[in-house]
Amino acid sequence: MKHIAYTDTVIDTEGRLADLVLEYAQVLAETNSADTISIPYRTESGAIERITMLVGPASQLTAWGEDEGDTLGSAGDEAAVELQRRIRQRRPGFVPTEPGEPEAGIDDFDDLGRPGD
């Protein structure tokens, strides 16, 4: 587990989620935007709950600790996939697709070639 300091709260969550929250906050700062995210965390009693956070350019987030391999199961997996999707969508070069189609980014078009190829 890693810890995220958010406002006056310390959130204990999977290391990969803590890293993705910080990465998403960075992307949001670069695009001067904000978003609300929801991630699972482990309470002091050991239960898994969710916290909803407003993340944006003014967010003061800190993460620390070692990722000891403790997972939050499918809730952690779903949150990681959602954060990764949002990160991709906010990065330059994202190409929106029709509903139901897989998301594509500019890097997904390898057959276009690159200068000097």
PDB file of N, CA and C in Angstrom:
ATOM      1  N   MET A   1       0.835  -1.186   0.000  1.00  0.00           N
ATOM      2  CA  MET A   1       0.000   0.000   0.000  1.00  0.00           C
ATOM      3  C   MET A   1       0.874   1.241   0.000  1.00  0.00           C
ATOM      4  N   LYS A   2       0.373   2.252  -0.665  1.00  0.00           N
ATOM      5  CA  LYS A   2       0.968   3.572  -0.600  1.00  0.00           C
ATOM      6  C   LYS A   2      -0.045   4.508   0.045  1.00  0.00           C
ATOM      7  N   HIS A   3       0.436   5.623   0.502  1.00  0.00           N
ATOM      8  CA  HIS A   3      -0.407   6.626   1.131  1.00  0.00           C
ATOM      9  C   HIS A   3      -0.469   7.850   0.228  1.00  0.00           C
ATOM     10  N   ILE A   4      -1.663   8.422   0.109  1.00  0.00           N
ATOM     11  CA  ILE A   4      -1.844   9.674  -0.618  1.00  0.00           C
ATOM     12  C   ILE A   4      -2.346  10.701   0.389  1.00  0.00           C
ATOM     13  N   ALA A   5      -1.664  11.836   0.472  1.00  0.00           N
ATOM     14  CA  ALA A   5      -2.162  12.945   1.284  1.00  0.00           C
ATOM     15  C   ALA A   5      -3.017  13.817   0.372  1.00  0.00           C
ATOM     16  N   TYR A   6      -4.270  13.975   0.763  1.00  0.00           N
ATOM     17  CA  TYR A   6      -5.229  14.770  -0.013  1.00  0.00           C
ATOM     18  C   TYR A   6      -5.995  15.633   0.981  1.00  0.00           C
ATOM     19  N   THR A   7      -5.902  16.922   0.858  1.00  0.00           N
ATOM     20  CA  THR A   7      -6.440  17.879   1.823  1.00  0.00           C
ATOM     21  C   THR A   7      -5.941  17.477   3.219  1.00  0.00           C
ATOM     22  N   ASP A   8      -6.838  17.174   4.132  1.00  0.00           N
ATOM     23  CA  ASP A   8      -6.408  16.784   5.481  1.00  0.00           C
ATOM     24  C   ASP A   8      -6.604  15.285   5.718  1.00  0.00           C
ATOM     25  N   THR A   9      -6.625  14.510   4.634  1.00  0.00           N
ATOM     26  CA  THR A   9      -6.891  13.076   4.694  1.00  0.00           C
ATOM     27  C   THR A   9      -5.696  12.292   4.165  1.00  0.00           C
ATOM     28  N   VAL A  10      -5.418  11.162   4.786  1.00  0.00           N
ATOM     29  CA  VAL A  10      -4.420  10.238   4.254  1.00  0.00           C
ATOM     30  C   VAL A  10      -5.171   9.010   3.759  1.00  0.00           C
ATOM     31  N   ILE A  11      -4.964   8.684   2.494  1.00  0.00           N
ATOM     32  CA  ILE A  11      -5.667   7.585   1.839  1.00  0.00           C
ATOM     33  C   ILE A  11      -4.674   6.451   1.622  1.00  0.00           C
ATOM     34  N   ASP A  12      -4.999   5.260   2.100  1.00  0.00           N
ATOM     35  CA  ASP A  12      -4.173   4.071   1.891  1.00  0.00           C
ATOM     36  C   ASP A  12      -4.747   3.294   0.709  1.00  0.00           C
ATOM     37  N   THR A  13      -3.986   3.223  -0.365  1.00  0.00           N
ATOM     38  CA  THR A  13      -4.462   2.554  -1.572  1.00  0.00           C
ATOM     39  C   THR A  13      -3.319   1.797  -2.234  1.00  0.00           C
ATOM     40  N   GLU A  14      -3.622   1.071  -3.283  1.00  0.00           N
ATOM     41  CA  GLU A  14      -2.590   0.333  -4.016  1.00  0.00           C
ATOM     42  C   GLU A  14      -1.556   1.303  -4.572  1.00  0.00           C
ATOM     43  N   GLY A  15      -0.329   0.845  -4.633  1.00  0.00           N
ATOM     44  CA  GLY A  15       0.738   1.675  -5.165  1.00  0.00           C
ATOM     45  C   GLY A  15       0.471   2.138  -6.577  1.00  0.00           C
ATOM     46  N   ARG A  16      -0.055   1.237  -7.418  1.00  0.00           N
ATOM     47  CA  ARG A  16      -0.313   1.618  -8.810  1.00  0.00           C
ATOM     48  C   ARG A  16      -1.391   2.690  -8.888  1.00  0.00           C
ATOM     49  N   LEU A  17      -2.389   2.646  -7.988  1.00  0.00           N
ATOM     50  CA  LEU A  17      -3.426   3.674  -8.001  1.00  0.00           C
ATOM     51  C   LEU A  17      -2.869   5.009  -7.540  1.00  0.00           C
ATOM     52  N   ALA A  18      -2.038   4.991  -6.508  1.00  0.00           N
ATOM     53  CA  ALA A  18      -1.410   6.228  -6.038  1.00  0.00           C
ATOM     54  C   ALA A  18      -0.597   6.853  -7.168  1.00  0.00           C
ATOM     55  N   ASP A  19       0.168   6.035  -7.875  1.00  0.00           N
ATOM     56  CA  ASP A  19       0.977   6.530  -8.985  1.00  0.00           C
ATOM     57  C   ASP A  19       0.104   7.087 -10.107  1.00  0.00           C
ATOM     58  N   LEU A  20      -1.002   6.403 -10.418  1.00  0.00           N
ATOM     59  CA  LEU A  20      -1.901   6.868 -11.480  1.00  0.00           C
ATOM     60  C   LEU A  20      -2.614   8.157 -11.088  1.00  0.00           C
ATOM     61  N   VAL A  21      -2.973   8.302  -9.815  1.00  0.00           N
ATOM     62  CA  VAL A  21      -3.609   9.548  -9.360  1.00  0.00           C
ATOM     63  C   VAL A  21      -2.655  10.714  -9.557  1.00  0.00           C
ATOM     64  N   LEU A  22      -1.389  10.532  -9.184  1.00  0.00           N
ATOM     65  CA  LEU A  22      -0.403  11.600  -9.366  1.00  0.00           C
ATOM     66  C   LEU A  22      -0.168  11.889 -10.847  1.00  0.00           C
ATOM     67  N   GLU A  23      -0.099  10.842 -11.664  1.00  0.00           N
ATOM     68  CA  GLU A  23       0.093  11.037 -13.096  1.00  0.00           C
ATOM     69  C   GLU A  23      -1.088  11.797 -13.703  1.00  0.00           C
ATOM     70  N   TYR A  24      -2.305  11.433 -13.292  1.00  0.00           N
ATOM     71  CA  TYR A  24      -3.488  12.114 -13.814  1.00  0.00           C
ATOM     72  C   TYR A  24      -3.521  13.570 -13.356  1.00  0.00           C
ATOM     73  N   ALA A  25      -3.139  13.835 -12.122  1.00  0.00           N
ATOM     74  CA  ALA A  25      -3.078  15.208 -11.628  1.00  0.00           C
ATOM     75  C   ALA A  25      -2.091  16.028 -12.466  1.00  0.00           C
ATOM     76  N   GLN A  26      -0.980  15.414 -12.845  1.00  0.00           N
ATOM     77  CA  GLN A  26       0.011  16.101 -13.675  1.00  0.00           C
ATOM     78  C   GLN A  26      -0.565  16.412 -15.049  1.00  0.00           C
ATOM     79  N   VAL A  27      -1.244  15.438 -15.652  1.00  0.00           N
ATOM     80  CA  VAL A  27      -1.854  15.649 -16.974  1.00  0.00           C
ATOM     81  C   VAL A  27      -2.912  16.743 -16.890  1.00  0.00           C
ATOM     82  N   LEU A  28      -3.710  16.736 -15.844  1.00  0.00           N
ATOM     83  CA  LEU A  28      -4.735  17.770 -15.682  1.00  0.00           C
ATOM     84  C   LEU A  28      -4.099  19.145 -15.512  1.00  0.00           C
ATOM     85  N   ALA A  29      -2.996  19.215 -14.788  1.00  0.00           N
ATOM     86  CA  ALA A  29      -2.304  20.495 -14.624  1.00  0.00           C
ATOM     87  C   ALA A  29      -1.762  20.985 -15.961  1.00  0.00           C
ATOM     88  N   GLU A  30      -1.227  20.065 -16.771  1.00  0.00           N
ATOM     89  CA  GLU A  30      -0.687  20.435 -18.076  1.00  0.00           C
ATOM     90  C   GLU A  30      -1.771  20.943 -19.017  1.00  0.00           C
ATOM     91  N   THR A  31      -2.993  20.450 -18.855  1.00  0.00           N
ATOM     92  CA  THR A  31      -4.104  20.859 -19.724  1.00  0.00           C
ATOM     93  C   THR A  31      -4.995  21.906 -19.052  1.00  0.00           C
ATOM     94  N   ASN A  32      -4.565  22.377 -17.867  1.00  0.00           N
ATOM     95  CA  ASN A  32      -5.301  23.382 -17.109  1.00  0.00           C
ATOM     96  C   ASN A  32      -6.772  23.006 -16.942  1.00  0.00           C
ATOM     97  N   SER A  33      -6.999  21.774 -16.479  1.00  0.00           N
ATOM     98  CA  SER A  33      -8.356  21.306 -16.273  1.00  0.00           C
ATOM     99  C   SER A  33      -8.434  20.536 -14.953  1.00  0.00           C
ATOM    100  N   ALA A  34      -9.637  20.195 -14.581  1.00  0.00           N
ATOM    101  CA  ALA A  34      -9.868  19.460 -13.339  1.00  0.00           C
ATOM    102  C   ALA A  34     -10.860  18.336 -13.613  1.00  0.00           C
ATOM    103  N   ASP A  35     -10.892  17.366 -12.722  1.00  0.00           N
ATOM    104  CA  ASP A  35     -11.810  16.243 -12.882  1.00  0.00           C
ATOM    105  C   ASP A  35     -12.064  15.626 -11.509  1.00  0.00           C
ATOM    106  N   THR A  36     -13.170  14.934 -11.391  1.00  0.00           N
ATOM    107  CA  THR A  36     -13.496  14.197 -10.182  1.00  0.00           C
ATOM    108  C   THR A  36     -13.209  12.728 -10.441  1.00  0.00           C
ATOM    109  N   ILE A  37     -12.456  12.107  -9.535  1.00  0.00           N
ATOM    110  CA  ILE A  37     -12.135  10.683  -9.661  1.00  0.00           C
ATOM    111  C   ILE A  37     -12.581   9.959  -8.403  1.00  0.00           C
ATOM    112  N   SER A  38     -12.773   8.673  -8.535  1.00  0.00           N
ATOM    113  CA  SER A  38     -13.153   7.831  -7.408  1.00  0.00           C
ATOM    114  C   SER A  38     -12.231   6.622  -7.389  1.00  0.00           C
ATOM    115  N   ILE A  39     -11.568   6.398  -6.242  1.00  0.00           N
ATOM    116  CA  ILE A  39     -10.668   5.253  -6.121  1.00  0.00           C
ATOM    117  C   ILE A  39     -10.974   4.483  -4.837  1.00  0.00           C
ATOM    118  N   PRO A  40     -10.700   3.183  -4.843  1.00  0.00           N
ATOM    119  CA  PRO A  40     -10.867   2.415  -3.617  1.00  0.00           C
ATOM    120  C   PRO A  40      -9.677   2.635  -2.689  1.00  0.00           C
ATOM    121  N   TYR A  41      -9.919   2.474  -1.408  1.00  0.00           N
ATOM    122  CA  TYR A  41      -8.862   2.570  -0.409  1.00  0.00           C
ATOM    123  C   TYR A  41      -9.193   1.634   0.747  1.00  0.00           C
ATOM    124  N   ARG A  42      -8.183   1.360   1.545  1.00  0.00           N
ATOM    125  CA  ARG A  42      -8.382   0.484   2.696  1.00  0.00           C
ATOM    126  C   ARG A  42      -8.508   1.341   3.952  1.00  0.00           C
ATOM    127  N   THR A  43      -9.591   1.113   4.715  1.00  0.00           N
ATOM    128  CA  THR A  43      -9.808   1.856   5.951  1.00  0.00           C
ATOM    129  C   THR A  43      -8.912   1.300   7.058  1.00  0.00           C
ATOM    130  N   GLU A  44      -8.874   1.986   8.173  1.00  0.00           N
ATOM    131  CA  GLU A  44      -8.074   1.527   9.311  1.00  0.00           C
ATOM    132  C   GLU A  44      -8.524   0.155   9.798  1.00  0.00           C
ATOM    133  N   SER A  45      -9.816  -0.148   9.642  1.00  0.00           N
ATOM    134  CA  SER A  45     -10.333  -1.450  10.078  1.00  0.00           C
ATOM    135  C   SER A  45     -10.063  -2.551   9.062  1.00  0.00           C
ATOM    136  N   GLY A  46      -9.539  -2.176   7.879  1.00  0.00           N
ATOM    137  CA  GLY A  46      -9.239  -3.165   6.846  1.00  0.00           C
ATOM    138  C   GLY A  46     -10.286  -3.282   5.760  1.00  0.00           C
ATOM    139  N   ALA A  47     -11.414  -2.592   5.922  1.00  0.00           N
ATOM    140  CA  ALA A  47     -12.476  -2.637   4.914  1.00  0.00           C
ATOM    141  C   ALA A  47     -12.042  -1.842   3.676  1.00  0.00           C
ATOM    142  N   ILE A  48     -12.627  -2.188   2.532  1.00  0.00           N
ATOM    143  CA  ILE A  48     -12.369  -1.451   1.291  1.00  0.00           C
ATOM    144  C   ILE A  48     -13.555  -0.531   1.034  1.00  0.00           C
ATOM    145  N   GLU A  49     -13.254   0.759   0.907  1.00  0.00           N
ATOM    146  CA  GLU A  49     -14.268   1.758   0.597  1.00  0.00           C
ATOM    147  C   GLU A  49     -13.780   2.593  -0.573  1.00  0.00           C
ATOM    148  N   ARG A  50     -14.600   3.536  -1.016  1.00  0.00           N
ATOM    149  CA  ARG A  50     -14.217   4.421  -2.128  1.00  0.00           C
ATOM    150  C   ARG A  50     -14.184   5.856  -1.628  1.00  0.00           C
ATOM    151  N   ILE A  51     -13.295   6.622  -2.220  1.00  0.00           N
ATOM    152  CA  ILE A  51     -13.228   8.052  -1.948  1.00  0.00           C
ATOM    153  C   ILE A  51     -13.302   8.769  -3.285  1.00  0.00           C
ATOM    154  N   THR A  52     -14.034   9.873  -3.306  1.00  0.00           N
ATOM    155  CA  THR A  52     -14.139  10.695  -4.502  1.00  0.00           C
ATOM    156  C   THR A  52     -13.339  11.962  -4.255  1.00  0.00           C
ATOM    157  N   MET A  53     -12.495  12.302  -5.229  1.00  0.00           N
ATOM    158  CA  MET A  53     -11.581  13.428  -5.078  1.00  0.00           C
ATOM    159  C   MET A  53     -11.691  14.349  -6.282  1.00  0.00           C
ATOM    160  N   LEU A  54     -11.613  15.650  -6.039  1.00  0.00           N
ATOM    161  CA  LEU A  54     -11.501  16.625  -7.112  1.00  0.00           C
ATOM    162  C   LEU A  54     -10.016  16.852  -7.334  1.00  0.00           C
ATOM    163  N   VAL A  55      -9.551  16.565  -8.554  1.00  0.00           N
ATOM    164  CA  VAL A  55      -8.134  16.681  -8.881  1.00  0.00           C
ATOM    165  C   VAL A  55      -7.985  17.701 -10.001  1.00  0.00           C
ATOM    166  N   GLY A  56      -7.028  18.589  -9.842  1.00  0.00           N
ATOM    167  CA  GLY A  56      -6.797  19.602 -10.860  1.00  0.00           C
ATOM    168  C   GLY A  56      -5.493  20.331 -10.615  1.00  0.00           C
ATOM    169  N   PRO A  57      -5.292  21.437 -11.327  1.00  0.00           N
ATOM    170  CA  PRO A  57      -4.027  22.164 -11.232  1.00  0.00           C
ATOM    171  C   PRO A  57      -3.695  22.644  -9.824  1.00  0.00           C
ATOM    172  N   ALA A  58      -4.699  22.915  -9.019  1.00  0.00           N
ATOM    173  CA  ALA A  58      -4.445  23.413  -7.667  1.00  0.00           C
ATOM    174  C   ALA A  58      -4.334  22.299  -6.628  1.00  0.00           C
ATOM    175  N   SER A  59      -4.499  21.054  -7.053  1.00  0.00           N
ATOM    176  CA  SER A  59      -4.440  19.936  -6.104  1.00  0.00           C
ATOM    177  C   SER A  59      -3.042  19.811  -5.523  1.00  0.00           C
ATOM    178  N   GLN A  60      -2.983  19.626  -4.235  1.00  0.00           N
ATOM    179  CA  GLN A  60      -1.713  19.401  -3.566  1.00  0.00           C
ATOM    180  C   GLN A  60      -1.723  17.966  -3.059  1.00  0.00           C
ATOM    181  N   LEU A  61      -1.226  17.071  -3.893  1.00  0.00           N
ATOM    182  CA  LEU A  61      -1.211  15.646  -3.592  1.00  0.00           C
ATOM    183  C   LEU A  61       0.214  15.194  -3.325  1.00  0.00           C
ATOM    184  N   THR A  62       0.359  14.303  -2.374  1.00  0.00           N
ATOM    185  CA  THR A  62       1.651  13.694  -2.086  1.00  0.00           C
ATOM    186  C   THR A  62       1.417  12.210  -1.899  1.00  0.00           C
ATOM    187  N   ALA A  63       2.303  11.389  -2.449  1.00  0.00           N
ATOM    188  CA  ALA A  63       2.208   9.934  -2.253  1.00  0.00           C
ATOM    189  C   ALA A  63       3.536   9.442  -1.705  1.00  0.00           C
ATOM    190  N   TRP A  64       3.470   8.470  -0.799  1.00  0.00           N
ATOM    191  CA  TRP A  64       4.687   7.889  -0.247  1.00  0.00           C
ATOM    192  C   TRP A  64       4.405   6.475   0.219  1.00  0.00           C
ATOM    193  N   GLY A  65       5.476   5.769   0.478  1.00  0.00           N
ATOM    194  CA  GLY A  65       5.363   4.396   0.959  1.00  0.00           C
ATOM    195  C   GLY A  65       5.782   3.420  -0.111  1.00  0.00           C
ATOM    196  N   GLU A  66       5.870   2.185   0.291  1.00  0.00           N
ATOM    197  CA  GLU A  66       6.266   1.112  -0.610  1.00  0.00           C
ATOM    198  C   GLU A  66       5.030   0.354  -1.069  1.00  0.00           C
ATOM    199  N   ASP A  67       5.063  -0.068  -2.304  1.00  0.00           N
ATOM    200  CA  ASP A  67       3.982  -0.901  -2.823  1.00  0.00           C
ATOM    201  C   ASP A  67       4.284  -2.328  -2.399  1.00  0.00           C
ATOM    202  N   GLU A  68       3.665  -2.755  -1.323  1.00  0.00           N
ATOM    203  CA  GLU A  68       3.959  -4.055  -0.734  1.00  0.00           C
ATOM    204  C   GLU A  68       3.171  -5.193  -1.357  1.00  0.00           C
ATOM    205  N   GLY A  69       2.495  -4.921  -2.451  1.00  0.00           N
ATOM    206  CA  GLY A  69       1.769  -5.980  -3.132  1.00  0.00           C
ATOM    207  C   GLY A  69       0.356  -6.203  -2.625  1.00  0.00           C
ATOM    208  N   ASP A  70      -0.081  -5.463  -1.612  1.00  0.00           N
ATOM    209  CA  ASP A  70      -1.445  -5.584  -1.120  1.00  0.00           C
ATOM    210  C   ASP A  70      -2.372  -4.975  -2.167  1.00  0.00           C
ATOM    211  N   THR A  71      -3.343  -5.739  -2.635  1.00  0.00           N
ATOM    212  CA  THR A  71      -4.229  -5.238  -3.677  1.00  0.00           C
ATOM    213  C   THR A  71      -5.634  -5.032  -3.139  1.00  0.00           C
ATOM    214  N   LEU A  72      -6.406  -4.306  -3.887  1.00  0.00           N
ATOM    215  CA  LEU A  72      -7.797  -4.046  -3.531  1.00  0.00           C
ATOM    216  C   LEU A  72      -8.733  -4.836  -4.442  1.00  0.00           C
ATOM    217  N   GLY A  73      -8.204  -5.866  -5.074  1.00  0.00           N
ATOM    218  CA  GLY A  73      -9.004  -6.766  -5.901  1.00  0.00           C
ATOM    219  C   GLY A  73      -9.574  -6.089  -7.131  1.00  0.00           C
ATOM    220  N   SER A  74     -10.770  -6.518  -7.509  1.00  0.00           N
ATOM    221  CA  SER A  74     -11.380  -6.012  -8.744  1.00  0.00           C
ATOM    222  C   SER A  74     -11.669  -4.519  -8.659  1.00  0.00           C
ATOM    223  N   ALA A  75     -11.925  -3.994  -7.462  1.00  0.00           N
ATOM    224  CA  ALA A  75     -12.161  -2.553  -7.324  1.00  0.00           C
ATOM    225  C   ALA A  75     -10.912  -1.773  -7.721  1.00  0.00           C
ATOM    226  N   GLY A  76      -9.740  -2.274  -7.336  1.00  0.00           N
ATOM    227  CA  GLY A  76      -8.480  -1.640  -7.715  1.00  0.00           C
ATOM    228  C   GLY A  76      -8.222  -1.760  -9.200  1.00  0.00           C
ATOM    229  N   ASP A  77      -8.524  -2.934  -9.751  1.00  0.00           N
ATOM    230  CA  ASP A  77      -8.331  -3.153 -11.189  1.00  0.00           C
ATOM    231  C   ASP A  77      -9.202  -2.202 -12.006  1.00  0.00           C
ATOM    232  N   GLU A  78     -10.477  -2.083 -11.632  1.00  0.00           N
ATOM    233  CA  GLU A  78     -11.403  -1.209 -12.358  1.00  0.00           C
ATOM    234  C   GLU A  78     -10.974   0.248 -12.258  1.00  0.00           C
ATOM    235  N   ALA A  79     -10.547   0.668 -11.079  1.00  0.00           N
ATOM    236  CA  ALA A  79     -10.115   2.056 -10.899  1.00  0.00           C
ATOM    237  C   ALA A  79      -8.860   2.337 -11.724  1.00  0.00           C
ATOM    238  N   ALA A  80      -7.926   1.385 -11.787  1.00  0.00           N
ATOM    239  CA  ALA A  80      -6.696   1.570 -12.566  1.00  0.00           C
ATOM    240  C   ALA A  80      -7.022   1.705 -14.052  1.00  0.00           C
ATOM    241  N   VAL A  81      -7.903   0.865 -14.559  1.00  0.00           N
ATOM    242  CA  VAL A  81      -8.292   0.931 -15.971  1.00  0.00           C
ATOM    243  C   VAL A  81      -8.954   2.279 -16.275  1.00  0.00           C
ATOM    244  N   GLU A  82      -9.816   2.737 -15.378  1.00  0.00           N
ATOM    245  CA  GLU A  82     -10.505   4.013 -15.587  1.00  0.00           C
ATOM    246  C   GLU A  82      -9.518   5.184 -15.567  1.00  0.00           C
ATOM    247  N   LEU A  83      -8.590   5.180 -14.626  1.00  0.00           N
ATOM    248  CA  LEU A  83      -7.598   6.258 -14.577  1.00  0.00           C
ATOM    249  C   LEU A  83      -6.708   6.248 -15.816  1.00  0.00           C
ATOM    250  N   GLN A  84      -6.301   5.072 -16.256  1.00  0.00           N
ATOM    251  CA  GLN A  84      -5.474   4.969 -17.467  1.00  0.00           C
ATOM    252  C   GLN A  84      -6.232   5.505 -18.683  1.00  0.00           C
ATOM    253  N   ARG A  85      -7.525   5.206 -18.769  1.00  0.00           N
ATOM    254  CA  ARG A  85      -8.353   5.696 -19.871  1.00  0.00           C
ATOM    255  C   ARG A  85      -8.422   7.218 -19.843  1.00  0.00           C
ATOM    256  N   ARG A  86      -8.646   7.781 -18.671  1.00  0.00           N
ATOM    257  CA  ARG A  86      -8.738   9.242 -18.562  1.00  0.00           C
ATOM    258  C   ARG A  86      -7.404   9.914 -18.888  1.00  0.00           C
ATOM    259  N   ILE A  87      -6.309   9.301 -18.456  1.00  0.00           N
ATOM    260  CA  ILE A  87      -4.983   9.844 -18.768  1.00  0.00           C
ATOM    261  C   ILE A  87      -4.775   9.866 -20.282  1.00  0.00           C
ATOM    262  N   ARG A  88      -5.095   8.746 -20.956  1.00  0.00           N
ATOM    263  CA  ARG A  88      -4.942   8.681 -22.422  1.00  0.00           C
ATOM    264  C   ARG A  88      -5.783   9.758 -23.103  1.00  0.00           C
ATOM    265  N   GLN A  89      -7.019   9.940 -22.628  1.00  0.00           N
ATOM    266  CA  GLN A  89      -7.914  10.900 -23.270  1.00  0.00           C
ATOM    267  C   GLN A  89      -7.432  12.337 -23.144  1.00  0.00           C
ATOM    268  N   ARG A  90      -6.718  12.657 -22.104  1.00  0.00           N
ATOM    269  CA  ARG A  90      -6.264  14.036 -21.876  1.00  0.00           C
ATOM    270  C   ARG A  90      -4.906  14.335 -22.513  1.00  0.00           C
ATOM    271  N   ARG A  91      -4.198  13.294 -22.926  1.00  0.00           N
ATOM    272  CA  ARG A  91      -2.863  13.512 -23.505  1.00  0.00           C
ATOM    273  C   ARG A  91      -2.993  14.007 -24.947  1.00  0.00           C
ATOM    274  N   PRO A  92      -2.030  14.830 -25.383  1.00  0.00           N
ATOM    275  CA  PRO A  92      -2.032  15.279 -26.781  1.00  0.00           C
ATOM    276  C   PRO A  92      -1.980  14.076 -27.728  1.00  0.00           C
ATOM    277  N   GLY A  93      -2.679  14.172 -28.827  1.00  0.00           N
ATOM    278  CA  GLY A  93      -2.662  13.106 -29.820  1.00  0.00           C
ATOM    279  C   GLY A  93      -3.790  12.107 -29.657  1.00  0.00           C
ATOM    280  N   PHE A  94      -4.638  12.285 -28.637  1.00  0.00           N
ATOM    281  CA  PHE A  94      -5.752  11.363 -28.461  1.00  0.00           C
ATOM    282  C   PHE A  94      -6.749  11.559 -29.588  1.00  0.00           C
ATOM    283  N   VAL A  95      -7.182  10.453 -30.180  1.00  0.00           N
ATOM    284  CA  VAL A  95      -8.156  10.481 -31.262  1.00  0.00           C
ATOM    285  C   VAL A  95      -9.429   9.817 -30.759  1.00  0.00           C
ATOM    286  N   PRO A  96     -10.524  10.589 -30.591  1.00  0.00           N
ATOM    287  CA  PRO A  96     -11.770   9.987 -30.116  1.00  0.00           C
ATOM    288  C   PRO A  96     -12.321   8.993 -31.136  1.00  0.00           C
ATOM    289  N   THR A  97     -13.018   7.988 -30.664  1.00  0.00           N
ATOM    290  CA  THR A  97     -13.619   6.982 -31.532  1.00  0.00           C
ATOM    291  C   THR A  97     -15.127   6.971 -31.344  1.00  0.00           C
ATOM    292  N   GLU A  98     -15.788   6.231 -32.170  1.00  0.00           N
ATOM    293  CA  GLU A  98     -17.229   6.073 -32.045  1.00  0.00           C
ATOM    294  C   GLU A  98     -17.535   5.229 -30.807  1.00  0.00           C
ATOM    295  N   PRO A  99     -18.690   5.436 -30.169  1.00  0.00           N
ATOM    296  CA  PRO A  99     -19.046   4.616 -29.009  1.00  0.00           C
ATOM    297  C   PRO A  99     -18.991   3.125 -29.349  1.00  0.00           C
ATOM    298  N   GLY A 100     -18.420   2.355 -28.453  1.00  0.00           N
ATOM    299  CA  GLY A 100     -18.324   0.914 -28.655  1.00  0.00           C
ATOM    300  C   GLY A 100     -17.048   0.469 -29.336  1.00  0.00           C
ATOM    301  N   GLU A 101     -16.314   1.389 -29.954  1.00  0.00           N
ATOM    302  CA  GLU A 101     -15.049   1.043 -30.593  1.00  0.00           C
ATOM    303  C   GLU A 101     -13.921   1.229 -29.585  1.00  0.00           C
ATOM    304  N   PRO A 102     -12.829   0.481 -29.763  1.00  0.00           N
ATOM    305  CA  PRO A 102     -11.697   0.687 -28.866  1.00  0.00           C
ATOM    306  C   PRO A 102     -11.134   2.094 -29.039  1.00  0.00           C
ATOM    307  N   GLU A 103     -10.621   2.656 -27.929  1.00  0.00           N
ATOM    308  CA  GLU A 103     -10.038   3.983 -28.002  1.00  0.00           C
ATOM    309  C   GLU A 103      -8.725   3.929 -28.762  1.00  0.00           C
ATOM    310  N   ALA A 104      -8.437   4.988 -29.497  1.00  0.00           N
ATOM    311  CA  ALA A 104      -7.210   5.042 -30.278  1.00  0.00           C
ATOM    312  C   ALA A 104      -6.456   6.313 -29.954  1.00  0.00           C
ATOM    313  N   GLY A 105      -5.174   6.249 -30.043  1.00  0.00           N
ATOM    314  CA  GLY A 105      -4.308   7.410 -29.899  1.00  0.00           C
ATOM    315  C   GLY A 105      -3.444   7.496 -31.134  1.00  0.00           C
ATOM    316  N   ILE A 106      -2.760   8.591 -31.300  1.00  0.00           N
ATOM    317  CA  ILE A 106      -1.935   8.776 -32.492  1.00  0.00           C
ATOM    318  C   ILE A 106      -0.883   7.681 -32.604  1.00  0.00           C
ATOM    319  N   ASP A 107      -0.406   7.140 -31.488  1.00  0.00           N
ATOM    320  CA  ASP A 107       0.602   6.085 -31.526  1.00  0.00           C
ATOM    321  C   ASP A 107       0.049   4.757 -32.026  1.00  0.00           C
ATOM    322  N   ASP A 108      -1.273   4.631 -32.131  1.00  0.00           N
ATOM    323  CA  ASP A 108      -1.873   3.385 -32.585  1.00  0.00           C
ATOM    324  C   ASP A 108      -1.822   3.239 -34.107  1.00  0.00           C
ATOM    325  N   PHE A 109      -1.364   4.267 -34.825  1.00  0.00           N
ATOM    326  CA  PHE A 109      -1.338   4.239 -36.270  1.00  0.00           C
ATOM    327  C   PHE A 109       0.088   4.037 -36.761  1.00  0.00           C
ATOM    328  N   ASP A 110       0.654   2.870 -36.477  1.00  0.00           N
ATOM    329  CA  ASP A 110       2.036   2.579 -36.846  1.00  0.00           C
ATOM    330  C   ASP A 110       2.251   2.526 -38.350  1.00  0.00           C
ATOM    331  N   ASP A 111       1.230   2.204 -39.116  1.00  0.00           N
ATOM    332  CA  ASP A 111       1.400   2.038 -40.549  1.00  0.00           C
ATOM    333  C   ASP A 111       1.559   3.375 -41.285  1.00  0.00           C
ATOM    334  N   LEU A 112       1.412   4.490 -40.604  1.00  0.00           N
ATOM    335  CA  LEU A 112       1.559   5.791 -41.255  1.00  0.00           C
ATOM    336  C   LEU A 112       3.022   6.133 -41.529  1.00  0.00           C
ATOM    337  N   GLY A 113       3.918   5.481 -40.811  1.00  0.00           N
ATOM    338  CA  GLY A 113       5.336   5.780 -40.972  1.00  0.00           C
ATOM    339  C   GLY A 113       5.684   7.073 -40.263  1.00  0.00           C
ATOM    340  N   ARG A 114       6.924   7.253 -40.084  1.00  0.00           N
ATOM    341  CA  ARG A 114       7.438   8.429 -39.411  1.00  0.00           C
ATOM    342  C   ARG A 114       8.485   9.082 -40.308  1.00  0.00           C
ATOM    343  N   PRO A 115       8.707  10.377 -40.129  1.00  0.00           N
ATOM    344  CA  PRO A 115       9.734  11.021 -40.945  1.00  0.00           C
ATOM    345  C   PRO A 115      11.068  10.299 -40.807  1.00  0.00           C
ATOM    346  N   GLY A 116      11.697  10.060 -41.893  1.00  0.00           N
ATOM    347  CA  GLY A 116      12.991   9.380 -41.874  1.00  0.00           C
ATOM    348  C   GLY A 116      12.885   7.887 -41.975  1.00  0.00           C
ATOM    349  N   ASP A 117      11.637   7.331 -41.999  1.00  0.00           N
ATOM    350  CA  ASP A 117      11.479   5.869 -42.122  1.00  0.00           C
ATOM    351  C   ASP A 117      11.697   5.432 -43.553  1.00  0.00           C
TER     352      ASP A 117
END
